[in-house]
Amino acid sequence: MKVFIDCGAHKGAATSHFRVNVVDRTEWRIHCFEANSELKREYGNAKLHKVAVWIKDGRTKFYRSDNGPMSPSCSLLKEKKTGHLNKSKMVKTVDFSTWLATTFCEKDTIYVKMDIEGAEYAVLEKMIKEGTIGLVKKLFVEFHGKEIGKTKEECNDMVMALKSIKSLELYGDLIDMCRKWRKDNGRKPADFLT
């Protein structure tokens, strides 16, 4: 099975970029995780999980700004320094590592896009510790270390830990990667995404 998982799907832009740029799009199952239930989204036929990606199943506070529900900077972490996170509401959370382990197997081709506003550090640390990171073939992650008070060393340690996993291809933000590929090659980034 081929699977694209959009963690922090927001309005669905990364999912749309994936659909447009992948060659064999009909062979892929898509899962979108987004805790902000107030967003207007374009996920198409993707399976929507209205939960926040986290390190345990349950409920926790989800912080956002006064700028309204469309703000892209919502976070589980109150200490996040950007986004003016002065409002909160309770949301459901999913233990992403456990969900991966119970939903997929090593034979599956799994791509994960992760833009979860600082929570990526705890989620990825748990995945590394439990070995579920080994299920992921390509990881597109936007790190928010500076925004949550991580030191440069802590940020580098996470990247180095991920790079040391031989079966994992690590990339930056998916949308930026697609735009760069298109600009550099004058075509869709099909080879990059398959």
C-alpha atoms as a PDB file:
ATOM      1  CA  MET A   1       0.000   0.000   0.000  1.00  0.00           C
ATOM      2  CA  LYS A   2       1.175   3.541  -0.759  1.00  0.00           C
ATOM      3  CA  VAL A   3       0.230   6.135   1.849  1.00  0.00           C
ATOM      4  CA  PHE A   4       0.645   9.910   2.149  1.00  0.00           C
ATOM      5  CA  ILE A   5       0.017  11.253   5.664  1.00  0.00           C
ATOM      6  CA  ASP A   6      -0.466  14.998   6.131  1.00  0.00           C
ATOM      7  CA  CYS A   7       0.139  15.911   9.789  1.00  0.00           C
ATOM      8  CA  GLY A   8      -1.043  19.458  10.443  1.00  0.00           C
ATOM      9  CA  ALA A   9      -3.042  19.525   7.217  1.00  0.00           C
ATOM     10  CA  HIS A  10      -4.443  23.029   7.822  1.00  0.00           C
ATOM     11  CA  LYS A  11      -6.383  23.898   4.646  1.00  0.00           C
ATOM     12  CA  GLY A  12      -5.022  20.990   2.609  1.00  0.00           C
ATOM     13  CA  ALA A  13      -2.351  22.770   0.542  1.00  0.00           C
ATOM     14  CA  ALA A  14       0.307  20.055   0.972  1.00  0.00           C
ATOM     15  CA  THR A  15      -2.215  17.332   0.163  1.00  0.00           C
ATOM     16  CA  SER A  16      -3.191  19.236  -2.993  1.00  0.00           C
ATOM     17  CA  HIS A  17       0.472  19.634  -3.981  1.00  0.00           C
ATOM     18  CA  PHE A  18       1.019  15.937  -3.443  1.00  0.00           C
ATOM     19  CA  ARG A  19      -1.993  14.989  -5.573  1.00  0.00           C
ATOM     20  CA  VAL A  20      -0.962  17.312  -8.404  1.00  0.00           C
ATOM     21  CA  ASN A  21       2.690  16.279  -8.443  1.00  0.00           C
ATOM     22  CA  VAL A  22       2.682  12.536  -7.865  1.00  0.00           C
ATOM     23  CA  VAL A  23       2.514  10.405 -11.019  1.00  0.00           C
ATOM     24  CA  ASP A  24       0.573   7.397  -9.752  1.00  0.00           C
ATOM     25  CA  ARG A  25      -1.896   9.346  -7.594  1.00  0.00           C
ATOM     26  CA  THR A  26      -4.674   6.765  -7.869  1.00  0.00           C
ATOM     27  CA  GLU A  27      -2.484   4.200  -6.082  1.00  0.00           C
ATOM     28  CA  TRP A  28      -2.064   6.374  -2.958  1.00  0.00           C
ATOM     29  CA  ARG A  29      -4.231   6.472   0.146  1.00  0.00           C
ATOM     30  CA  ILE A  30      -4.178   9.835   1.877  1.00  0.00           C
ATOM     31  CA  HIS A  31      -4.706  10.555   5.574  1.00  0.00           C
ATOM     32  CA  CYS A  32      -4.992  14.149   6.843  1.00  0.00           C
ATOM     33  CA  PHE A  33      -4.653  15.055  10.516  1.00  0.00           C
ATOM     34  CA  GLU A  34      -5.968  18.463  11.565  1.00  0.00           C
ATOM     35  CA  ALA A  35      -7.187  19.434  15.038  1.00  0.00           C
ATOM     36  CA  ASN A  36      -8.588  22.829  14.077  1.00  0.00           C
ATOM     37  CA  SER A  37     -12.209  21.921  13.382  1.00  0.00           C
ATOM     38  CA  GLU A  38     -13.058  25.489  12.317  1.00  0.00           C
ATOM     39  CA  LEU A  39     -10.976  25.386   9.142  1.00  0.00           C
ATOM     40  CA  LYS A  40     -12.527  25.259   5.698  1.00  0.00           C
ATOM     41  CA  ARG A  41     -10.584  22.532   3.947  1.00  0.00           C
ATOM     42  CA  GLU A  42      -9.958  20.985   0.561  1.00  0.00           C
ATOM     43  CA  TYR A  43      -8.917  17.406   1.307  1.00  0.00           C
ATOM     44  CA  GLY A  44     -10.839  15.716  -1.503  1.00  0.00           C
ATOM     45  CA  ASN A  45     -11.197  11.987  -0.915  1.00  0.00           C
ATOM     46  CA  ALA A  46      -8.556  11.890   1.828  1.00  0.00           C
ATOM     47  CA  LYS A  47      -9.411  10.313   5.168  1.00  0.00           C
ATOM     48  CA  LEU A  48      -9.718  13.217   7.618  1.00  0.00           C
ATOM     49  CA  HIS A  49      -8.717  12.658  11.238  1.00  0.00           C
ATOM     50  CA  LYS A  50     -10.012  15.566  13.350  1.00  0.00           C
ATOM     51  CA  VAL A  51      -7.318  15.129  16.004  1.00  0.00           C
ATOM     52  CA  ALA A  52      -3.947  16.613  16.837  1.00  0.00           C
ATOM     53  CA  VAL A  53      -0.861  14.498  16.175  1.00  0.00           C
ATOM     54  CA  TRP A  54       0.795  13.943  19.539  1.00  0.00           C
ATOM     55  CA  ILE A  55       2.596  11.426  21.778  1.00  0.00           C
ATOM     56  CA  LYS A  56      -0.488   9.987  23.479  1.00  0.00           C
ATOM     57  CA  ASP A  57      -4.182   9.448  22.880  1.00  0.00           C
ATOM     58  CA  GLY A  58      -6.429  11.759  24.837  1.00  0.00           C
ATOM     59  CA  ARG A  59      -7.360  15.420  25.018  1.00  0.00           C
ATOM     60  CA  THR A  60      -5.258  18.539  25.496  1.00  0.00           C
ATOM     61  CA  LYS A  61      -5.351  22.289  24.970  1.00  0.00           C
ATOM     62  CA  PHE A  62      -4.912  23.585  21.427  1.00  0.00           C
ATOM     63  CA  TYR A  63      -3.708  27.188  21.236  1.00  0.00           C
ATOM     64  CA  ARG A  64      -4.522  29.738  18.541  1.00  0.00           C
ATOM     65  CA  SER A  65      -4.498  33.481  18.049  1.00  0.00           C
ATOM     66  CA  ASP A  66      -7.240  36.088  18.034  1.00  0.00           C
ATOM     67  CA  ASN A  67      -6.715  36.294  14.270  1.00  0.00           C
ATOM     68  CA  GLY A  68      -9.382  33.656  13.850  1.00  0.00           C
ATOM     69  CA  PRO A  69      -9.540  29.980  13.051  1.00  0.00           C
ATOM     70  CA  MET A  70      -7.636  30.278   9.761  1.00  0.00           C
ATOM     71  CA  SER A  71      -4.403  31.173  11.556  1.00  0.00           C
ATOM     72  CA  PRO A  72      -1.677  28.749  10.426  1.00  0.00           C
ATOM     73  CA  SER A  73       0.193  28.943  13.730  1.00  0.00           C
ATOM     74  CA  CYS A  74      -2.081  26.928  16.031  1.00  0.00           C
ATOM     75  CA  SER A  75      -0.144  24.662  18.380  1.00  0.00           C
ATOM     76  CA  LEU A  76      -0.399  22.194  21.237  1.00  0.00           C
ATOM     77  CA  LEU A  77       2.477  24.068  22.847  1.00  0.00           C
ATOM     78  CA  LYS A  78       1.555  27.213  24.768  1.00  0.00           C
ATOM     79  CA  GLU A  79       5.251  28.186  24.886  1.00  0.00           C
ATOM     80  CA  LYS A  80       5.371  28.644  21.095  1.00  0.00           C
ATOM     81  CA  LYS A  81       6.665  32.182  20.619  1.00  0.00           C
ATOM     82  CA  THR A  82       5.102  32.984  17.243  1.00  0.00           C
ATOM     83  CA  GLY A  83       1.471  33.227  16.242  1.00  0.00           C
ATOM     84  CA  HIS A  84       0.166  35.233  19.240  1.00  0.00           C
ATOM     85  CA  LEU A  85      -1.401  32.122  20.773  1.00  0.00           C
ATOM     86  CA  ASN A  86      -3.775  33.668  23.300  1.00  0.00           C
ATOM     87  CA  LYS A  87      -6.875  31.457  22.943  1.00  0.00           C
ATOM     88  CA  SER A  88      -7.283  27.771  23.586  1.00  0.00           C
ATOM     89  CA  LYS A  89      -9.782  24.977  23.284  1.00  0.00           C
ATOM     90  CA  MET A  90      -9.675  21.282  24.121  1.00  0.00           C
ATOM     91  CA  VAL A  91      -9.005  18.878  21.236  1.00  0.00           C
ATOM     92  CA  LYS A  92      -8.562  15.149  20.838  1.00  0.00           C
ATOM     93  CA  THR A  93      -5.020  13.849  20.342  1.00  0.00           C
ATOM     94  CA  VAL A  94      -3.659  10.710  18.752  1.00  0.00           C
ATOM     95  CA  ASP A  95      -0.484   8.850  19.645  1.00  0.00           C
ATOM     96  CA  PHE A  96       0.936   9.062  16.131  1.00  0.00           C
ATOM     97  CA  SER A  97       3.668   6.488  16.712  1.00  0.00           C
ATOM     98  CA  THR A  98       1.159   3.915  17.940  1.00  0.00           C
ATOM     99  CA  TRP A  99      -1.291   4.775  15.151  1.00  0.00           C
ATOM    100  CA  LEU A 100       1.428   4.156  12.544  1.00  0.00           C
ATOM    101  CA  ALA A 101       2.422   0.851  14.144  1.00  0.00           C
ATOM    102  CA  THR A 102      -1.150  -0.451  14.332  1.00  0.00           C
ATOM    103  CA  THR A 103      -2.273   0.814  10.921  1.00  0.00           C
ATOM    104  CA  PHE A 104       0.643  -0.007   8.608  1.00  0.00           C
ATOM    105  CA  CYS A 105       3.482  -2.486   8.127  1.00  0.00           C
ATOM    106  CA  GLU A 106       7.041  -2.433   6.795  1.00  0.00           C
ATOM    107  CA  LYS A 107       5.899  -3.425   3.276  1.00  0.00           C
ATOM    108  CA  ASP A 108       3.897  -0.188   2.941  1.00  0.00           C
ATOM    109  CA  THR A 109       5.368   2.888   1.278  1.00  0.00           C
ATOM    110  CA  ILE A 110       4.690   5.751   3.678  1.00  0.00           C
ATOM    111  CA  TYR A 111       5.386   9.442   3.108  1.00  0.00           C
ATOM    112  CA  VAL A 112       4.725  11.829   5.988  1.00  0.00           C
ATOM    113  CA  LYS A 113       4.413  15.594   5.809  1.00  0.00           C
ATOM    114  CA  MET A 114       4.694  17.082   9.295  1.00  0.00           C
ATOM    115  CA  ASP A 115       3.981  20.728  10.084  1.00  0.00           C
ATOM    116  CA  ILE A 116       2.664  20.571  13.643  1.00  0.00           C
ATOM    117  CA  GLU A 117       3.996  23.830  15.045  1.00  0.00           C
ATOM    118  CA  GLY A 118       6.585  22.621  17.549  1.00  0.00           C
ATOM    119  CA  ALA A 119       5.025  19.299  18.521  1.00  0.00           C
ATOM    120  CA  GLU A 120       7.210  17.601  15.896  1.00  0.00           C
ATOM    121  CA  TYR A 121      10.092  17.283  18.353  1.00  0.00           C
ATOM    122  CA  ALA A 122       8.164  15.194  20.897  1.00  0.00           C
ATOM    123  CA  VAL A 123       6.384  13.165  18.191  1.00  0.00           C
ATOM    124  CA  LEU A 124       9.591  12.377  16.277  1.00  0.00           C
ATOM    125  CA  GLU A 125      11.509  11.566  19.480  1.00  0.00           C
ATOM    126  CA  LYS A 126       8.821   9.015  20.381  1.00  0.00           C
ATOM    127  CA  MET A 127       8.839   7.556  16.869  1.00  0.00           C
ATOM    128  CA  ILE A 128      12.630   7.168  16.987  1.00  0.00           C
ATOM    129  CA  LYS A 129      12.504   5.603  20.463  1.00  0.00           C
ATOM    130  CA  GLU A 130       9.755   3.146  19.472  1.00  0.00           C
ATOM    131  CA  GLY A 131      11.205   2.402  16.019  1.00  0.00           C
ATOM    132  CA  THR A 132       8.095   3.472  14.106  1.00  0.00           C
ATOM    133  CA  ILE A 133      10.131   6.062  12.210  1.00  0.00           C
ATOM    134  CA  GLY A 134      11.412   3.027  10.286  1.00  0.00           C
ATOM    135  CA  LEU A 135       7.979   2.666   8.681  1.00  0.00           C
ATOM    136  CA  VAL A 136       8.373   6.081   7.007  1.00  0.00           C
ATOM    137  CA  LYS A 137      10.187   6.223   3.660  1.00  0.00           C
ATOM    138  CA  LYS A 138      10.078  10.001   3.136  1.00  0.00           C
ATOM    139  CA  LEU A 139       9.575  12.649   5.804  1.00  0.00           C
ATOM    140  CA  PHE A 140       8.810  16.247   4.867  1.00  0.00           C
ATOM    141  CA  VAL A 141       9.066  18.227   8.077  1.00  0.00           C
ATOM    142  CA  GLU A 142       8.938  21.896   8.987  1.00  0.00           C
ATOM    143  CA  PHE A 143      10.829  22.318  12.242  1.00  0.00           C
ATOM    144  CA  HIS A 144       9.779  25.007  14.743  1.00  0.00           C
ATOM    145  CA  GLY A 145      12.632  24.644  17.222  1.00  0.00           C
ATOM    146  CA  LYS A 146      13.416  28.321  17.547  1.00  0.00           C
ATOM    147  CA  GLU A 147       9.738  29.124  18.089  1.00  0.00           C
ATOM    148  CA  ILE A 148       9.479  26.719  21.050  1.00  0.00           C
ATOM    149  CA  GLY A 149      12.780  27.593  22.700  1.00  0.00           C
ATOM    150  CA  LYS A 150      14.947  24.724  21.466  1.00  0.00           C
ATOM    151  CA  THR A 151      18.677  25.442  21.351  1.00  0.00           C
ATOM    152  CA  LYS A 152      20.557  25.203  18.084  1.00  0.00           C
ATOM    153  CA  GLU A 153      22.214  22.055  19.435  1.00  0.00           C
ATOM    154  CA  GLU A 154      18.847  20.448  20.238  1.00  0.00           C
ATOM    155  CA  CYS A 155      17.582  21.264  16.750  1.00  0.00           C
ATOM    156  CA  ASN A 156      20.735  19.851  15.129  1.00  0.00           C
ATOM    157  CA  ASP A 157      20.548  16.722  17.307  1.00  0.00           C
ATOM    158  CA  MET A 158      17.040  15.973  16.002  1.00  0.00           C
ATOM    159  CA  VAL A 159      18.069  16.434  12.376  1.00  0.00           C
ATOM    160  CA  MET A 160      21.163  14.268  12.860  1.00  0.00           C
ATOM    161  CA  ALA A 161      19.103  11.536  14.575  1.00  0.00           C
ATOM    162  CA  LEU A 162      16.730  11.487  11.610  1.00  0.00           C
ATOM    163  CA  LYS A 163      19.547  11.560   9.061  1.00  0.00           C
ATOM    164  CA  SER A 164      21.172   8.560  10.766  1.00  0.00           C
ATOM    165  CA  ILE A 165      18.165   6.393   9.870  1.00  0.00           C
ATOM    166  CA  LYS A 166      19.304   4.777   6.631  1.00  0.00           C
ATOM    167  CA  SER A 167      15.821   3.844   5.382  1.00  0.00           C
ATOM    168  CA  LEU A 168      14.489   7.419   5.796  1.00  0.00           C
ATOM    169  CA  GLU A 169      14.726  10.250   3.286  1.00  0.00           C
ATOM    170  CA  LEU A 170      14.473  13.578   5.108  1.00  0.00           C
ATOM    171  CA  TYR A 171      13.248  16.751   3.396  1.00  0.00           C
ATOM    172  CA  GLY A 172      12.067  20.205   4.326  1.00  0.00           C
ATOM    173  CA  ASP A 173       8.610  21.622   3.731  1.00  0.00           C
ATOM    174  CA  LEU A 174       6.752  19.683   0.990  1.00  0.00           C
ATOM    175  CA  ILE A 175       5.220  22.695  -0.741  1.00  0.00           C
ATOM    176  CA  ASP A 176       8.566  24.508  -0.885  1.00  0.00           C
ATOM    177  CA  MET A 177      10.215  21.344  -2.198  1.00  0.00           C
ATOM    178  CA  CYS A 178       7.592  20.990  -4.970  1.00  0.00           C
ATOM    179  CA  ARG A 179       7.996  24.634  -5.986  1.00  0.00           C
ATOM    180  CA  LYS A 180      11.787  24.355  -6.020  1.00  0.00           C
ATOM    181  CA  TRP A 181      11.706  21.149  -8.043  1.00  0.00           C
ATOM    182  CA  ARG A 182       9.337  22.701 -10.595  1.00  0.00           C
ATOM    183  CA  LYS A 183      11.480  25.831 -10.860  1.00  0.00           C
ATOM    184  CA  ASP A 184      14.790  23.931 -11.149  1.00  0.00           C
ATOM    185  CA  ASN A 185      13.513  21.294 -13.575  1.00  0.00           C
ATOM    186  CA  GLY A 186      10.730  23.080 -15.422  1.00  0.00           C
ATOM    187  CA  ARG A 187       8.277  20.251 -14.745  1.00  0.00           C
ATOM    188  CA  LYS A 188       6.277  18.492 -12.064  1.00  0.00           C
ATOM    189  CA  PRO A 189       8.368  16.922  -9.295  1.00  0.00           C
ATOM    190  CA  ALA A 190       7.131  13.418 -10.136  1.00  0.00           C
ATOM    191  CA  ASP A 191      10.518  11.736  -9.755  1.00  0.00           C
ATOM    192  CA  PHE A 192      11.025  13.417  -6.407  1.00  0.00           C
ATOM    193  CA  LEU A 193       7.685  12.233  -5.023  1.00  0.00           C
ATOM    194  CA  THR A 194       7.735   8.620  -6.240  1.00  0.00           C
END
